[in-house]
Amino acid sequence: MAQHLFNMRFQLSFSTLRKPDGCNGTRPLLLSRSSGSDMVLDYRTASACHATIRFKNGEFVFTDGGSFNGSYLYLCRPVELTPSQSVQFRLGCSMISMKAVNKWNC
């Protein structure tokens, strides 16, 4: 059986979730297999709360949700997403690359 390779691009935005100070989000963005999440991960290894991304003090912070399979192998603490620099995380057998882009001045 041939393997299918694919490349998808998603854009998650805090533009409608920013507090009046402009440097913090009102809530985190949720990445999970749940249909109510901000990014639905259609993988059997994704949990109902796989990971979150927070916008706090002008920085993006990626946090594993404590799922059985995890987003990173051995991730022990949240990871700050440096603007314009890619970070990869594991989702089952797949790798996802994420890049934060901050267009606001904080």
PDB file of N, CA and C in Angstrom:
ATOM      1  N   MET A   1       0.842  -1.181   0.000  1.00  0.00           N
ATOM      2  CA  MET A   1       0.000   0.000   0.000  1.00  0.00           C
ATOM      3  C   MET A   1       0.890   1.248   0.000  1.00  0.00           C
ATOM      4  N   ALA A   2       0.621   2.175  -0.867  1.00  0.00           N
ATOM      5  CA  ALA A   2       1.396   3.411  -0.962  1.00  0.00           C
ATOM      6  C   ALA A   2       1.047   4.348   0.181  1.00  0.00           C
ATOM      7  N   GLN A   3       2.046   5.085   0.655  1.00  0.00           N
ATOM      8  CA  GLN A   3       1.806   6.081   1.686  1.00  0.00           C
ATOM      9  C   GLN A   3       1.412   7.386   1.034  1.00  0.00           C
ATOM     10  N   HIS A   4       0.469   8.076   1.648  1.00  0.00           N
ATOM     11  CA  HIS A   4       0.019   9.367   1.126  1.00  0.00           C
ATOM     12  C   HIS A   4       0.667  10.465   1.954  1.00  0.00           C
ATOM     13  N   LEU A   5       1.377  11.331   1.316  1.00  0.00           N
ATOM     14  CA  LEU A   5       1.975  12.471   1.990  1.00  0.00           C
ATOM     15  C   LEU A   5       1.093  13.678   1.748  1.00  0.00           C
ATOM     16  N   PHE A   6       0.954  14.489   2.767  1.00  0.00           N
ATOM     17  CA  PHE A   6       0.121  15.667   2.607  1.00  0.00           C
ATOM     18  C   PHE A   6       0.716  16.818   3.400  1.00  0.00           C
ATOM     19  N   ASN A   7       0.331  18.002   2.999  1.00  0.00           N
ATOM     20  CA  ASN A   7       0.780  19.215   3.656  1.00  0.00           C
ATOM     21  C   ASN A   7      -0.431  20.117   3.811  1.00  0.00           C
ATOM     22  N   MET A   8      -0.783  20.419   5.045  1.00  0.00           N
ATOM     23  CA  MET A   8      -1.923  21.289   5.296  1.00  0.00           C
ATOM     24  C   MET A   8      -1.451  22.519   6.034  1.00  0.00           C
ATOM     25  N   ARG A   9      -2.113  23.625   5.799  1.00  0.00           N
ATOM     26  CA  ARG A   9      -1.778  24.862   6.486  1.00  0.00           C
ATOM     27  C   ARG A   9      -3.031  25.365   7.194  1.00  0.00           C
ATOM     28  N   PHE A  10      -2.887  25.601   8.495  1.00  0.00           N
ATOM     29  CA  PHE A  10      -3.960  26.151   9.304  1.00  0.00           C
ATOM     30  C   PHE A  10      -3.505  27.486   9.844  1.00  0.00           C
ATOM     31  N   GLN A  11      -4.444  28.386  10.021  1.00  0.00           N
ATOM     32  CA  GLN A  11      -4.120  29.655  10.647  1.00  0.00           C
ATOM     33  C   GLN A  11      -5.019  29.821  11.859  1.00  0.00           C
ATOM     34  N   LEU A  12      -4.415  29.861  13.022  1.00  0.00           N
ATOM     35  CA  LEU A  12      -5.130  30.118  14.259  1.00  0.00           C
ATOM     36  C   LEU A  12      -4.841  31.560  14.643  1.00  0.00           C
ATOM     37  N   SER A  13      -5.851  32.274  15.095  1.00  0.00           N
ATOM     38  CA  SER A  13      -5.656  33.689  15.372  1.00  0.00           C
ATOM     39  C   SER A  13      -6.251  34.094  16.713  1.00  0.00           C
ATOM     40  N   PHE A  14      -5.542  34.974  17.398  1.00  0.00           N
ATOM     41  CA  PHE A  14      -6.028  35.564  18.634  1.00  0.00           C
ATOM     42  C   PHE A  14      -6.655  36.933  18.371  1.00  0.00           C
ATOM     43  N   SER A  15      -6.807  37.326  17.109  1.00  0.00           N
ATOM     44  CA  SER A  15      -7.273  38.686  16.801  1.00  0.00           C
ATOM     45  C   SER A  15      -8.627  39.013  17.427  1.00  0.00           C
ATOM     46  N   THR A  16      -9.514  38.045  17.550  1.00  0.00           N
ATOM     47  CA  THR A  16     -10.822  38.301  18.173  1.00  0.00           C
ATOM     48  C   THR A  16     -10.838  37.896  19.645  1.00  0.00           C
ATOM     49  N   LEU A  17      -9.721  37.392  20.147  1.00  0.00           N
ATOM     50  CA  LEU A  17      -9.644  36.911  21.530  1.00  0.00           C
ATOM     51  C   LEU A  17      -8.690  37.735  22.380  1.00  0.00           C
ATOM     52  N   ARG A  18      -8.292  38.909  21.902  1.00  0.00           N
ATOM     53  CA  ARG A  18      -7.363  39.730  22.678  1.00  0.00           C
ATOM     54  C   ARG A  18      -8.104  40.566  23.709  1.00  0.00           C
ATOM     55  N   LYS A  19      -7.491  40.684  24.880  1.00  0.00           N
ATOM     56  CA  LYS A  19      -8.018  41.572  25.915  1.00  0.00           C
ATOM     57  C   LYS A  19      -7.762  43.013  25.482  1.00  0.00           C
ATOM     58  N   PRO A  20      -8.428  43.989  26.113  1.00  0.00           N
ATOM     59  CA  PRO A  20      -8.228  45.396  25.726  1.00  0.00           C
ATOM     60  C   PRO A  20      -6.775  45.866  25.765  1.00  0.00           C
ATOM     61  N   ASP A  21      -5.934  45.245  26.598  1.00  0.00           N
ATOM     62  CA  ASP A  21      -4.525  45.650  26.642  1.00  0.00           C
ATOM     63  C   ASP A  21      -3.769  45.240  25.377  1.00  0.00           C
ATOM     64  N   GLY A  22      -4.348  44.327  24.574  1.00  0.00           N
ATOM     65  CA  GLY A  22      -3.751  43.896  23.315  1.00  0.00           C
ATOM     66  C   GLY A  22      -2.603  42.919  23.439  1.00  0.00           C
ATOM     67  N   CYS A  23      -2.175  42.631  24.661  1.00  0.00           N
ATOM     68  CA  CYS A  23      -1.009  41.765  24.873  1.00  0.00           C
ATOM     69  C   CYS A  23      -1.353  40.437  25.520  1.00  0.00           C
ATOM     70  N   ASN A  24      -2.635  40.166  25.722  1.00  0.00           N
ATOM     71  CA  ASN A  24      -3.074  38.929  26.360  1.00  0.00           C
ATOM     72  C   ASN A  24      -4.349  38.433  25.702  1.00  0.00           C
ATOM     73  N   GLY A  25      -4.503  37.118  25.654  1.00  0.00           N
ATOM     74  CA  GLY A  25      -5.714  36.531  25.103  1.00  0.00           C
ATOM     75  C   GLY A  25      -6.759  36.338  26.192  1.00  0.00           C
ATOM     76  N   THR A  26      -8.021  36.317  25.811  1.00  0.00           N
ATOM     77  CA  THR A  26      -9.095  36.098  26.778  1.00  0.00           C
ATOM     78  C   THR A  26      -9.204  34.624  27.151  1.00  0.00           C
ATOM     79  N   ARG A  27      -8.718  33.753  26.289  1.00  0.00           N
ATOM     80  CA  ARG A  27      -8.729  32.310  26.544  1.00  0.00           C
ATOM     81  C   ARG A  27      -7.677  31.665  25.650  1.00  0.00           C
ATOM     82  N   PRO A  28      -7.246  30.460  25.994  1.00  0.00           N
ATOM     83  CA  PRO A  28      -6.293  29.768  25.121  1.00  0.00           C
ATOM     84  C   PRO A  28      -6.991  29.165  23.906  1.00  0.00           C
ATOM     85  N   LEU A  29      -6.238  28.918  22.852  1.00  0.00           N
ATOM     86  CA  LEU A  29      -6.740  28.180  21.695  1.00  0.00           C
ATOM     87  C   LEU A  29      -6.525  26.701  21.986  1.00  0.00           C
ATOM     88  N   LEU A  30      -7.531  25.875  21.718  1.00  0.00           N
ATOM     89  CA  LEU A  30      -7.482  24.450  22.017  1.00  0.00           C
ATOM     90  C   LEU A  30      -7.239  23.644  20.755  1.00  0.00           C
ATOM     91  N   LEU A  31      -6.279  22.727  20.818  1.00  0.00           N
ATOM     92  CA  LEU A  31      -5.994  21.785  19.743  1.00  0.00           C
ATOM     93  C   LEU A  31      -6.358  20.405  20.277  1.00  0.00           C
ATOM     94  N   SER A  32      -7.350  19.752  19.664  1.00  0.00           N
ATOM     95  CA  SER A  32      -7.797  18.454  20.163  1.00  0.00           C
ATOM     96  C   SER A  32      -8.631  17.744  19.104  1.00  0.00           C
ATOM     97  N   ARG A  33      -9.082  16.546  19.441  1.00  0.00           N
ATOM     98  CA  ARG A  33      -9.959  15.826  18.517  1.00  0.00           C
ATOM     99  C   ARG A  33     -11.427  16.213  18.713  1.00  0.00           C
ATOM    100  N   SER A  34     -11.710  17.026  19.722  1.00  0.00           N
ATOM    101  CA  SER A  34     -13.071  17.473  20.008  1.00  0.00           C
ATOM    102  C   SER A  34     -13.569  18.432  18.931  1.00  0.00           C
ATOM    103  N   SER A  35     -14.824  18.286  18.536  1.00  0.00           N
ATOM    104  CA  SER A  35     -15.385  19.155  17.490  1.00  0.00           C
ATOM    105  C   SER A  35     -15.515  20.600  17.947  1.00  0.00           C
ATOM    106  N   GLY A  36     -15.447  20.853  19.244  1.00  0.00           N
ATOM    107  CA  GLY A  36     -15.546  22.214  19.762  1.00  0.00           C
ATOM    108  C   GLY A  36     -14.209  22.920  19.907  1.00  0.00           C
ATOM    109  N   SER A  37     -13.137  22.287  19.479  1.00  0.00           N
ATOM    110  CA  SER A  37     -11.816  22.912  19.625  1.00  0.00           C
ATOM    111  C   SER A  37     -11.558  23.907  18.503  1.00  0.00           C
ATOM    112  N   ASP A  38     -10.541  24.717  18.685  1.00  0.00           N
ATOM    113  CA  ASP A  38     -10.178  25.716  17.673  1.00  0.00           C
ATOM    114  C   ASP A  38      -9.496  25.079  16.477  1.00  0.00           C
ATOM    115  N   MET A  39      -8.773  23.986  16.700  1.00  0.00           N
ATOM    116  CA  MET A  39      -8.166  23.212  15.615  1.00  0.00           C
ATOM    117  C   MET A  39      -8.464  21.746  15.899  1.00  0.00           C
ATOM    118  N   VAL A  40      -9.316  21.160  15.081  1.00  0.00           N
ATOM    119  CA  VAL A  40      -9.710  19.759  15.260  1.00  0.00           C
ATOM    120  C   VAL A  40      -8.633  18.858  14.672  1.00  0.00           C
ATOM    121  N   LEU A  41      -8.093  17.973  15.511  1.00  0.00           N
ATOM    122  CA  LEU A  41      -7.065  17.023  15.103  1.00  0.00           C
ATOM    123  C   LEU A  41      -7.729  15.672  14.908  1.00  0.00           C
ATOM    124  N   ASP A  42      -7.928  15.294  13.678  1.00  0.00           N
ATOM    125  CA  ASP A  42      -8.641  14.057  13.359  1.00  0.00           C
ATOM    126  C   ASP A  42      -7.672  12.875  13.368  1.00  0.00           C
ATOM    127  N   TYR A  43      -7.126  12.606  14.546  1.00  0.00           N
ATOM    128  CA  TYR A  43      -6.204  11.502  14.742  1.00  0.00           C
ATOM    129  C   TYR A  43      -6.689  10.700  15.938  1.00  0.00           C
ATOM    130  N   ARG A  44      -6.632   9.402  15.866  1.00  0.00           N
ATOM    131  CA  ARG A  44      -7.082   8.581  16.994  1.00  0.00           C
ATOM    132  C   ARG A  44      -6.167   8.732  18.199  1.00  0.00           C
ATOM    133  N   THR A  45      -4.938   9.186  17.982  1.00  0.00           N
ATOM    134  CA  THR A  45      -4.007   9.365  19.092  1.00  0.00           C
ATOM    135  C   THR A  45      -4.126  10.741  19.746  1.00  0.00           C
ATOM    136  N   ALA A  46      -4.941  11.621  19.185  1.00  0.00           N
ATOM    137  CA  ALA A  46      -5.155  12.944  19.789  1.00  0.00           C
ATOM    138  C   ALA A  46      -6.208  12.818  20.874  1.00  0.00           C
ATOM    139  N   SER A  47      -6.024  13.561  21.958  1.00  0.00           N
ATOM    140  CA  SER A  47      -6.969  13.491  23.067  1.00  0.00           C
ATOM    141  C   SER A  47      -8.009  14.597  22.953  1.00  0.00           C
ATOM    142  N   ALA A  48      -8.957  14.592  23.880  1.00  0.00           N
ATOM    143  CA  ALA A  48     -10.027  15.601  23.897  1.00  0.00           C
ATOM    144  C   ALA A  48      -9.485  16.973  24.291  1.00  0.00           C
ATOM    145  N   CYS A  49      -8.325  17.022  24.888  1.00  0.00           N
ATOM    146  CA  CYS A  49      -7.634  18.283  25.198  1.00  0.00           C
ATOM    147  C   CYS A  49      -6.147  18.034  24.979  1.00  0.00           C
ATOM    148  N   HIS A  50      -5.748  17.994  23.729  1.00  0.00           N
ATOM    149  CA  HIS A  50      -4.379  17.584  23.396  1.00  0.00           C
ATOM    150  C   HIS A  50      -3.348  18.652  23.753  1.00  0.00           C
ATOM    151  N   ALA A  51      -3.644  19.910  23.409  1.00  0.00           N
ATOM    152  CA  ALA A  51      -2.703  20.993  23.686  1.00  0.00           C
ATOM    153  C   ALA A  51      -3.433  22.329  23.619  1.00  0.00           C
ATOM    154  N   THR A  52      -2.799  23.341  24.202  1.00  0.00           N
ATOM    155  CA  THR A  52      -3.339  24.698  24.115  1.00  0.00           C
ATOM    156  C   THR A  52      -2.228  25.654  23.701  1.00  0.00           C
ATOM    157  N   ILE A  53      -2.652  26.771  23.124  1.00  0.00           N
ATOM    158  CA  ILE A  53      -1.741  27.871  22.823  1.00  0.00           C
ATOM    159  C   ILE A  53      -2.311  29.104  23.496  1.00  0.00           C
ATOM    160  N   ARG A  54      -1.522  29.731  24.343  1.00  0.00           N
ATOM    161  CA  ARG A  54      -1.941  30.948  25.040  1.00  0.00           C
ATOM    162  C   ARG A  54      -1.179  32.141  24.477  1.00  0.00           C
ATOM    163  N   PHE A  55      -1.835  33.294  24.498  1.00  0.00           N
ATOM    164  CA  PHE A  55      -1.184  34.552  24.153  1.00  0.00           C
ATOM    165  C   PHE A  55      -1.116  35.338  25.456  1.00  0.00           C
ATOM    166  N   LYS A  56       0.086  35.431  26.026  1.00  0.00           N
ATOM    167  CA  LYS A  56       0.258  36.041  27.349  1.00  0.00           C
ATOM    168  C   LYS A  56       1.457  36.982  27.330  1.00  0.00           C
ATOM    169  N   ASN A  57       1.222  38.209  27.737  1.00  0.00           N
ATOM    170  CA  ASN A  57       2.281  39.231  27.779  1.00  0.00           C
ATOM    171  C   ASN A  57       2.994  39.368  26.441  1.00  0.00           C
ATOM    172  N   GLY A  58       2.227  39.276  25.354  1.00  0.00           N
ATOM    173  CA  GLY A  58       2.777  39.443  24.012  1.00  0.00           C
ATOM    174  C   GLY A  58       3.516  38.240  23.465  1.00  0.00           C
ATOM    175  N   GLU A  59       3.482  37.113  24.178  1.00  0.00           N
ATOM    176  CA  GLU A  59       4.170  35.895  23.758  1.00  0.00           C
ATOM    177  C   GLU A  59       3.177  34.761  23.556  1.00  0.00           C
ATOM    178  N   PHE A  60       3.488  33.868  22.633  1.00  0.00           N
ATOM    179  CA  PHE A  60       2.678  32.677  22.401  1.00  0.00           C
ATOM    180  C   PHE A  60       3.312  31.521  23.171  1.00  0.00           C
ATOM    181  N   VAL A  61       2.490  30.781  23.924  1.00  0.00           N
ATOM    182  CA  VAL A  61       2.997  29.674  24.736  1.00  0.00           C
ATOM    183  C   VAL A  61       2.208  28.418  24.405  1.00  0.00           C
ATOM    184  N   PHE A  62       2.922  27.371  23.972  1.00  0.00           N
ATOM    185  CA  PHE A  62       2.339  26.077  23.635  1.00  0.00           C
ATOM    186  C   PHE A  62       2.461  25.162  24.848  1.00  0.00           C
ATOM    187  N   THR A  63       1.327  24.565  25.274  1.00  0.00           N
ATOM    188  CA  THR A  63       1.331  23.676  26.438  1.00  0.00           C
ATOM    189  C   THR A  63       0.661  22.362  26.090  1.00  0.00           C
ATOM    190  N   ASP A  64       1.336  21.269  26.393  1.00  0.00           N
ATOM    191  CA  ASP A  64       0.751  19.944  26.215  1.00  0.00           C
ATOM    192  C   ASP A  64      -0.389  19.794  27.215  1.00  0.00           C
ATOM    193  N   GLY A  65      -1.476  19.160  26.796  1.00  0.00           N
ATOM    194  CA  GLY A  65      -2.643  18.997  27.651  1.00  0.00           C
ATOM    195  C   GLY A  65      -2.559  17.829  28.611  1.00  0.00           C
ATOM    196  N   GLY A  66      -1.423  17.172  28.678  1.00  0.00           N
ATOM    197  CA  GLY A  66      -1.268  16.030  29.567  1.00  0.00           C
ATOM    198  C   GLY A  66      -1.893  14.761  29.014  1.00  0.00           C
ATOM    199  N   SER A  67      -2.035  14.708  27.704  1.00  0.00           N
ATOM    200  CA  SER A  67      -2.646  13.545  27.069  1.00  0.00           C
ATOM    201  C   SER A  67      -1.738  12.328  27.172  1.00  0.00           C
ATOM    202  N   PHE A  68      -2.304  11.167  26.991  1.00  0.00           N
ATOM    203  CA  PHE A  68      -1.559   9.911  27.085  1.00  0.00           C
ATOM    204  C   PHE A  68      -0.417   9.873  26.074  1.00  0.00           C
ATOM    205  N   ASN A  69      -0.697  10.278  24.836  1.00  0.00           N
ATOM    206  CA  ASN A  69       0.325  10.234  23.793  1.00  0.00           C
ATOM    207  C   ASN A  69       1.211  11.474  23.781  1.00  0.00           C
ATOM    208  N   GLY A  70       0.717  12.564  24.311  1.00  0.00           N
ATOM    209  CA  GLY A  70       1.510  13.786  24.396  1.00  0.00           C
ATOM    210  C   GLY A  70       1.740  14.460  23.060  1.00  0.00           C
ATOM    211  N   SER A  71       2.088  15.737  23.121  1.00  0.00           N
ATOM    212  CA  SER A  71       2.390  16.503  21.924  1.00  0.00           C
ATOM    213  C   SER A  71       3.877  16.480  21.643  1.00  0.00           C
ATOM    214  N   TYR A  72       4.653  16.451  22.676  1.00  0.00           N
ATOM    215  CA  TYR A  72       6.093  16.310  22.567  1.00  0.00           C
ATOM    216  C   TYR A  72       6.452  15.045  23.328  1.00  0.00           C
ATOM    217  N   LEU A  73       7.519  14.445  22.930  1.00  0.00           N
ATOM    218  CA  LEU A  73       8.030  13.323  23.689  1.00  0.00           C
ATOM    219  C   LEU A  73       8.740  13.909  24.914  1.00  0.00           C
ATOM    220  N   TYR A  74       8.263  13.594  26.082  1.00  0.00           N
ATOM    221  CA  TYR A  74       8.845  14.051  27.343  1.00  0.00           C
ATOM    222  C   TYR A  74       8.757  15.565  27.550  1.00  0.00           C
ATOM    223  N   LEU A  75       7.706  16.214  27.085  1.00  0.00           N
ATOM    224  CA  LEU A  75       7.525  17.643  27.330  1.00  0.00           C
ATOM    225  C   LEU A  75       7.154  17.838  28.793  1.00  0.00           C
ATOM    226  N   CYS A  76       7.957  18.576  29.522  1.00  0.00           N
ATOM    227  CA  CYS A  76       7.735  18.761  30.957  1.00  0.00           C
ATOM    228  C   CYS A  76       7.210  20.147  31.296  1.00  0.00           C
ATOM    229  N   ARG A  77       7.398  21.108  30.422  1.00  0.00           N
ATOM    230  CA  ARG A  77       6.944  22.463  30.721  1.00  0.00           C
ATOM    231  C   ARG A  77       6.477  23.125  29.428  1.00  0.00           C
ATOM    232  N   PRO A  78       5.698  24.196  29.551  1.00  0.00           N
ATOM    233  CA  PRO A  78       5.248  24.910  28.350  1.00  0.00           C
ATOM    234  C   PRO A  78       6.429  25.437  27.531  1.00  0.00           C
ATOM    235  N   VAL A  79       6.202  25.575  26.234  1.00  0.00           N
ATOM    236  CA  VAL A  79       7.237  26.047  25.319  1.00  0.00           C
ATOM    237  C   VAL A  79       6.795  27.373  24.723  1.00  0.00           C
ATOM    238  N   GLU A  80       7.671  28.377  24.819  1.00  0.00           N
ATOM    239  CA  GLU A  80       7.380  29.672  24.220  1.00  0.00           C
ATOM    240  C   GLU A  80       7.623  29.577  22.718  1.00  0.00           C
ATOM    241  N   LEU A  81       6.654  30.034  21.939  1.00  0.00           N
ATOM    242  CA  LEU A  81       6.783  30.024  20.482  1.00  0.00           C
ATOM    243  C   LEU A  81       7.375  31.362  20.054  1.00  0.00           C
ATOM    244  N   THR A  82       8.622  31.343  19.639  1.00  0.00           N
ATOM    245  CA  THR A  82       9.297  32.552  19.197  1.00  0.00           C
ATOM    246  C   THR A  82       8.749  32.961  17.837  1.00  0.00           C
ATOM    247  N   PRO A  83       8.309  34.227  17.682  1.00  0.00           N
ATOM    248  CA  PRO A  83       7.756  34.660  16.392  1.00  0.00           C
ATOM    249  C   PRO A  83       8.681  34.360  15.220  1.00  0.00           C
ATOM    250  N   SER A  84       8.090  33.881  14.139  1.00  0.00           N
ATOM    251  CA  SER A  84       8.750  33.559  12.866  1.00  0.00           C
ATOM    252  C   SER A  84       9.740  32.410  12.954  1.00  0.00           C
ATOM    253  N   GLN A  85       9.737  31.657  14.053  1.00  0.00           N
ATOM    254  CA  GLN A  85      10.627  30.503  14.170  1.00  0.00           C
ATOM    255  C   GLN A  85       9.760  29.255  14.337  1.00  0.00           C
ATOM    256  N   SER A  86       9.980  28.260  13.507  1.00  0.00           N
ATOM    257  CA  SER A  86       9.165  27.044  13.535  1.00  0.00           C
ATOM    258  C   SER A  86       9.545  26.148  14.704  1.00  0.00           C
ATOM    259  N   VAL A  87       8.527  25.474  15.252  1.00  0.00           N
ATOM    260  CA  VAL A  87       8.732  24.457  16.271  1.00  0.00           C
ATOM    261  C   VAL A  87       7.893  23.252  15.847  1.00  0.00           C
ATOM    262  N   GLN A  88       8.431  22.069  16.022  1.00  0.00           N
ATOM    263  CA  GLN A  88       7.735  20.856  15.622  1.00  0.00           C
ATOM    264  C   GLN A  88       7.230  20.128  16.858  1.00  0.00           C
ATOM    265  N   PHE A  89       6.030  19.555  16.743  1.00  0.00           N
ATOM    266  CA  PHE A  89       5.559  18.691  17.812  1.00  0.00           C
ATOM    267  C   PHE A  89       4.964  17.437  17.222  1.00  0.00           C
ATOM    268  N   ARG A  90       4.962  16.422  18.037  1.00  0.00           N
ATOM    269  CA  ARG A  90       4.537  15.095  17.613  1.00  0.00           C
ATOM    270  C   ARG A  90       3.050  14.914  17.867  1.00  0.00           C
ATOM    271  N   LEU A  91       2.395  14.294  16.916  1.00  0.00           N
ATOM    272  CA  LEU A  91       0.986  13.934  17.046  1.00  0.00           C
ATOM    273  C   LEU A  91       0.858  12.522  16.518  1.00  0.00           C
ATOM    274  N   GLY A  92       0.884  11.548  17.411  1.00  0.00           N
ATOM    275  CA  GLY A  92       0.883  10.154  16.978  1.00  0.00           C
ATOM    276  C   GLY A  92       2.136   9.887  16.185  1.00  0.00           C
ATOM    277  N   CYS A  93       1.978   9.419  14.957  1.00  0.00           N
ATOM    278  CA  CYS A  93       3.125   9.147  14.087  1.00  0.00           C
ATOM    279  C   CYS A  93       3.463  10.339  13.214  1.00  0.00           C
ATOM    280  N   SER A  94       2.720  11.420  13.341  1.00  0.00           N
ATOM    281  CA  SER A  94       2.926  12.594  12.497  1.00  0.00           C
ATOM    282  C   SER A  94       3.660  13.687  13.249  1.00  0.00           C
ATOM    283  N   MET A  95       4.308  14.560  12.497  1.00  0.00           N
ATOM    284  CA  MET A  95       4.954  15.736  13.054  1.00  0.00           C
ATOM    285  C   MET A  95       4.239  16.957  12.500  1.00  0.00           C
ATOM    286  N   ILE A  96       3.968  17.899  13.373  1.00  0.00           N
ATOM    287  CA  ILE A  96       3.326  19.146  12.970  1.00  0.00           C
ATOM    288  C   ILE A  96       4.313  20.270  13.223  1.00  0.00           C
ATOM    289  N   SER A  97       4.444  21.154  12.264  1.00  0.00           N
ATOM    290  CA  SER A  97       5.316  22.308  12.399  1.00  0.00           C
ATOM    291  C   SER A  97       4.441  23.534  12.640  1.00  0.00           C
ATOM    292  N   MET A  98       4.826  24.340  13.635  1.00  0.00           N
ATOM    293  CA  MET A  98       4.026  25.504  14.000  1.00  0.00           C
ATOM    294  C   MET A  98       4.936  26.722  14.054  1.00  0.00           C
ATOM    295  N   LYS A  99       4.429  27.849  13.558  1.00  0.00           N
ATOM    296  CA  LYS A  99       5.190  29.090  13.588  1.00  0.00           C
ATOM    297  C   LYS A  99       4.282  30.214  14.065  1.00  0.00           C
ATOM    298  N   ALA A 100       4.704  30.923  15.094  1.00  0.00           N
ATOM    299  CA  ALA A 100       3.935  32.057  15.619  1.00  0.00           C
ATOM    300  C   ALA A 100       4.283  33.310  14.837  1.00  0.00           C
ATOM    301  N   VAL A 101       3.271  34.094  14.517  1.00  0.00           N
ATOM    302  CA  VAL A 101       3.464  35.362  13.833  1.00  0.00           C
ATOM    303  C   VAL A 101       2.714  36.408  14.639  1.00  0.00           C
ATOM    304  N   ASN A 102       3.445  37.343  15.198  1.00  0.00           N
ATOM    305  CA  ASN A 102       2.836  38.384  16.024  1.00  0.00           C
ATOM    306  C   ASN A 102       2.840  39.698  15.240  1.00  0.00           C
ATOM    307  N   LYS A 103       1.663  40.180  14.898  1.00  0.00           N
ATOM    308  CA  LYS A 103       1.542  41.419  14.135  1.00  0.00           C
ATOM    309  C   LYS A 103       1.149  42.595  15.019  1.00  0.00           C
ATOM    310  N   TRP A 104       1.142  42.364  16.340  1.00  0.00           N
ATOM    311  CA  TRP A 104       0.766  43.430  17.280  1.00  0.00           C
ATOM    312  C   TRP A 104       1.971  43.868  18.060  1.00  0.00           C
ATOM    313  N   ASN A 105       1.975  45.134  18.447  1.00  0.00           N
ATOM    314  CA  ASN A 105       3.049  45.666  19.298  1.00  0.00           C
ATOM    315  C   ASN A 105       2.575  45.658  20.742  1.00  0.00           C
ATOM    316  N   CYS A 106       3.317  44.994  21.595  1.00  0.00           N
ATOM    317  CA  CYS A 106       2.984  44.957  23.029  1.00  0.00           C
ATOM    318  C   CYS A 106       4.084  45.607  23.821  1.00  0.00           C
TER     319      CYS A 106
END
